[in-house]
Protein backbone atom coordinates (compact mmCIF):
# COMPACT_ATOMS: atom_id res chain seq x y z
CA SER A 1 -1.68 2.20 28.15
CA HIS A 2 0.95 5.27 27.43
CA GLU A 3 4.51 5.20 27.85
CA VAL A 4 7.05 7.78 27.39
CA GLY A 5 10.51 6.92 25.41
CA LEU A 6 13.33 9.07 25.91
CA LEU A 7 15.46 8.79 22.42
CA HIS A 8 19.25 10.34 22.22
CA ARG A 9 18.92 13.44 24.25
CA ASP A 10 22.68 13.87 24.26
CA LYS A 11 22.68 14.30 20.27
CA VAL A 12 20.08 17.02 20.41
CA LEU A 13 21.71 19.28 22.76
CA GLN A 14 23.17 22.47 21.35
CA ASN A 15 25.33 24.51 23.77
CA GLY A 16 24.14 22.62 26.53
CA ILE A 17 20.71 24.64 26.07
CA ILE A 18 18.03 22.29 25.22
CA GLY A 19 16.93 20.17 27.76
CA PRO A 20 15.51 16.59 27.96
CA MET A 21 13.34 15.59 24.85
CA SER A 22 10.90 13.07 25.17
CA PHE A 23 8.09 11.66 22.92
CA ASP A 24 4.47 10.54 23.86
CA PHE A 25 3.07 7.37 22.38
CA ASP A 26 -0.02 5.92 21.97
CA ARG A 27 1.31 2.54 22.34
CA MET A 28 4.67 1.15 22.26
CA PHE A 29 5.41 -2.75 21.08
CA THR A 30 7.64 -5.26 22.06
CA SER A 31 9.91 -7.17 19.12
CA ASN A 32 7.31 -10.08 20.06
CA THR A 33 4.29 -8.96 18.99
CA THR A 34 2.06 -10.55 16.67
CA GLN A 35 0.49 -9.17 13.55
CA ARG A 36 -2.71 -9.27 15.03
CA ASP A 37 -2.18 -7.55 18.10
CA ILE A 38 -0.61 -4.63 16.32
CA TYR A 39 -3.90 -4.57 13.71
CA ALA A 40 -6.05 -4.65 16.84
CA GLU A 41 -4.77 -1.36 18.02
CA MET A 42 -5.45 -0.17 13.96
CA GLU A 43 -8.87 -1.76 13.93
CA ASP A 44 -11.03 1.34 14.84
CA LEU A 45 -8.99 3.83 11.92
CA VAL A 46 -9.69 1.10 9.27
CA LEU A 47 -13.57 0.67 10.29
CA SER A 48 -14.04 4.12 9.93
CA SER A 49 -13.64 4.03 6.45
CA LEU A 50 -17.02 1.85 6.08
CA ASP A 51 -18.65 4.82 7.47
CA GLY A 52 -17.41 7.22 5.03
CA TYR A 53 -14.27 8.68 6.60
CA ASN A 54 -10.99 8.97 4.95
CA SER A 55 -8.06 7.05 7.09
CA CYS A 56 -4.52 6.98 6.42
CA LEU A 57 -1.72 4.87 8.10
CA ILE A 58 1.88 5.66 7.70
CA ALA A 59 4.42 3.27 8.46
CA PHE A 60 7.86 5.42 8.96
CA GLY A 61 11.22 4.33 9.45
CA GLN A 62 14.85 3.58 7.90
CA ASN A 63 15.33 0.62 5.35
CA GLY A 64 14.91 -2.92 7.12
CA CYS A 65 13.15 -2.05 10.23
CA GLY A 66 9.99 -3.64 9.49
CA LYS A 67 7.64 -1.23 7.70
CA THR A 68 6.81 -3.55 4.84
CA HIS A 69 6.27 -6.45 7.13
CA SER A 70 3.72 -4.48 9.64
CA LEU A 71 1.93 -3.25 6.58
CA ILE A 72 1.61 -6.35 3.86
CA GLY A 73 3.23 -9.22 6.02
CA ASP A 74 6.08 -11.77 4.77
CA PHE A 75 6.37 -12.66 1.19
CA SER A 76 8.50 -14.89 -0.70
CA ILE A 77 9.45 -14.37 -4.44
CA ILE A 78 10.25 -17.15 -6.26
CA GLN A 79 12.43 -17.09 -9.75
CA ASN A 80 11.02 -18.84 -12.35
CA VAL A 81 13.51 -20.32 -14.87
CA GLU A 82 12.24 -18.69 -17.85
CA THR A 83 13.41 -15.11 -17.69
CA ASP A 84 10.08 -13.78 -19.73
CA VAL A 85 7.84 -15.23 -16.96
CA GLU A 86 7.11 -13.22 -13.62
CA PRO A 87 8.13 -14.83 -10.68
CA ASN A 88 5.70 -16.63 -8.29
CA VAL A 89 4.96 -14.73 -4.71
CA GLU A 90 3.94 -16.44 -1.70
CA ILE A 91 2.38 -14.33 1.36
CA SER A 92 2.42 -15.58 4.92
CA HIS A 93 1.97 -13.32 8.59
CA CYS A 94 -0.40 -11.11 7.11
CA GLY A 95 0.35 -7.51 7.84
CA ILE A 96 -2.39 -4.85 8.53
CA HIS A 97 -3.45 -3.90 4.96
CA LEU A 98 -4.18 -7.60 4.31
CA LEU A 99 -5.59 -8.14 7.52
CA ALA A 100 -7.78 -4.97 7.09
CA MET A 101 -9.14 -6.34 3.83
CA GLN A 102 -10.31 -9.61 5.76
CA GLN A 103 -12.11 -7.61 7.84
CA VAL A 104 -13.67 -5.31 5.64
CA PHE A 105 -14.98 -7.63 3.38
CA THR A 106 -16.55 -9.73 6.16
CA ILE A 107 -18.39 -6.83 7.34
CA SER A 108 -19.30 -5.94 3.82
CA LYS A 109 -20.95 -9.36 3.24
CA LYS A 110 -23.04 -9.04 6.39
CA ARG A 111 -24.20 -5.86 5.74
CA ARG A 112 -25.08 -6.24 1.93
CA GLU A 113 -28.76 -6.19 2.82
CA ARG A 114 -28.85 -2.38 3.93
CA PHE A 115 -25.84 -1.02 2.25
CA GLN A 116 -24.00 -1.84 -1.44
CA ASP A 117 -20.16 -1.39 -0.39
CA SER A 118 -17.98 -1.59 -3.93
CA PHE A 119 -14.06 -1.39 -3.62
CA VAL A 120 -10.88 -0.45 -6.11
CA MET A 121 -7.26 -0.62 -5.12
CA THR A 122 -4.16 1.15 -6.26
CA ILE A 123 -0.62 0.50 -5.26
CA VAL A 124 1.95 3.26 -5.59
CA GLU A 125 5.61 3.01 -5.20
CA ILE A 126 7.62 6.19 -5.09
CA HIS A 127 11.08 5.76 -5.36
CA ASP A 128 14.07 7.97 -6.06
CA GLU A 129 11.48 10.81 -6.16
CA LYS A 130 9.52 9.05 -9.30
CA ILE A 131 5.98 7.56 -9.02
CA ILE A 132 5.94 4.10 -9.74
CA ASP A 133 2.23 2.33 -10.35
CA LEU A 134 2.70 -1.06 -9.16
CA VAL A 135 -0.78 -2.42 -10.28
CA GLY A 136 -0.64 -0.98 -13.95
CA GLU A 137 0.81 -3.77 -15.61
CA THR A 138 -0.73 -6.77 -14.31
CA ASP A 139 -2.88 -8.87 -15.76
CA ILE A 140 -5.54 -7.90 -13.49
CA ALA A 141 -5.16 -4.11 -14.73
CA LEU A 142 -5.04 -5.11 -18.36
CA SER A 143 -8.41 -6.82 -18.01
CA SER A 144 -10.08 -4.93 -15.45
CA GLY A 145 -8.08 -1.69 -14.70
CA GLN A 146 -9.45 2.01 -15.11
CA ILE A 147 -6.67 4.80 -15.10
CA MET A 148 -7.60 8.07 -12.86
CA ARG A 149 -8.25 11.33 -14.25
CA ASP A 150 -8.52 14.41 -12.26
CA ASN A 151 -11.34 15.75 -14.40
CA ASP A 152 -13.66 12.47 -13.02
CA LYS A 153 -16.05 13.05 -10.50
CA THR A 154 -14.96 9.21 -8.97
CA SER A 155 -11.88 7.89 -9.95
CA ALA A 156 -13.63 5.06 -11.83
CA SER A 157 -15.64 6.80 -13.88
CA ASN A 158 -15.53 7.89 -17.68
CA SER A 159 -12.14 6.54 -17.61
CA GLN A 160 -10.22 4.77 -20.53
CA THR A 161 -8.69 1.39 -20.47
CA THR A 162 -5.04 0.77 -20.02
CA SER A 163 -4.38 -0.18 -23.20
CA SER A 164 -1.89 3.42 -23.49
CA LYS A 165 -0.08 2.59 -20.31
CA ASN A 166 2.87 3.62 -22.04
CA ASP A 167 2.12 6.88 -22.52
CA ARG A 168 0.46 7.54 -19.15
CA LYS A 169 2.42 10.33 -16.83
CA LEU A 170 1.43 9.93 -13.13
CA GLU A 171 0.94 13.36 -11.62
CA ILE A 172 -0.27 13.94 -8.28
CA ARG A 173 -3.61 16.06 -9.04
CA THR A 174 -6.73 17.67 -7.04
CA ASN A 175 -9.94 16.18 -8.53
CA ILE A 176 -13.27 18.30 -9.12
CA ASP A 177 -14.35 16.82 -5.23
CA GLY A 178 -11.31 18.05 -4.42
CA GLU A 179 -9.75 14.92 -3.81
CA THR A 180 -5.83 14.11 -4.15
CA ILE A 181 -5.66 11.79 -6.53
CA VAL A 182 -2.82 10.50 -8.70
CA GLN A 183 -3.58 11.10 -12.17
CA GLY A 184 -2.90 8.53 -14.46
CA LEU A 185 -2.79 5.68 -12.10
CA VAL A 186 -4.56 2.22 -12.90
CA SER A 187 -7.40 1.46 -10.25
CA VAL A 188 -8.39 -2.29 -10.10
CA PRO A 189 -12.23 -3.03 -8.53
CA VAL A 190 -11.33 -5.93 -5.74
CA LYS A 191 -14.82 -7.72 -4.55
CA SER A 192 -13.19 -10.04 -2.58
CA TYR A 193 -10.05 -10.43 -0.07
CA LYS A 194 -8.91 -13.15 -2.63
CA ASP A 195 -8.85 -10.51 -5.24
CA VAL A 196 -7.03 -8.07 -3.10
CA GLU A 197 -4.28 -10.69 -2.11
CA GLU A 198 -4.01 -11.69 -6.14
CA VAL A 199 -3.55 -8.17 -6.86
CA TRP A 200 -0.89 -7.95 -4.39
CA LYS A 201 0.77 -11.21 -5.81
CA GLN A 202 0.82 -9.85 -9.42
CA SER A 203 2.10 -6.14 -8.37
CA LEU A 204 5.13 -7.83 -6.21
CA ALA A 205 6.07 -10.25 -8.96
CA HIS A 206 5.80 -7.44 -11.42
CA ARG A 207 8.14 -5.34 -9.37
CA ALA A 208 10.53 -8.06 -8.71
CA LYS A 209 10.83 -8.75 -12.47
CA ARG A 210 11.25 -5.15 -12.97
CA VAL A 211 13.74 -4.83 -10.50
CA GLU A 212 15.64 -7.75 -11.64
CA GLN A 213 15.61 -6.18 -15.34
CA LEU A 214 17.10 -2.84 -14.27
CA GLY A 215 19.93 -4.73 -12.00
CA LYS A 216 20.85 -6.71 -15.56
CA LYS A 217 20.83 -3.32 -17.46
CA CYS A 218 23.36 -1.72 -15.00
CA THR A 219 25.55 -4.62 -14.82
CA PRO A 220 28.94 -3.82 -16.70
CA MET A 221 30.07 -6.54 -19.78
């Protein structure tokens, strides 16, 4: 169904010239809509990637409006007593990304006699105009990660290991296939939904530890 939302027309009037402003949406969800109901709207977009199409999903909104909840789900971070140990992460009420990967791997398994699918995963955070690789320093990246380069035919070919991660400079580039990539970003292979979930847990745990350390450095003595 199609609904029309009328948003703050009184705030966009200039000298009384501009008339009512309306925004057309394909779908509007209520606050009690489930994660799976929302994913059902995105399902065709996700599955088109298995047919070779590039898919992009953007969640836009102010802080605290639910972007992370919709894309990842609810997660809790349990800090360890030992400061050098990364916290434990538990994920519940899976969001669009995790639900998508559950379905993608299910379909990939069913069609493996006809197609050979391979998947790699990266997670990038942009904060204060800085590009941050959330996967780069996880245990998974250290064991199987590969660094993306703009002169590689694919993101995983001819790449060095993550042993030089401290020297990596993250830059947005175009590779020889005309694809936009983040040069220096670490990608990790994922072969199952459990792999995807583990990458998220380790990345979120590492991020929480980094944020905590930055907070301690900024705390006045």
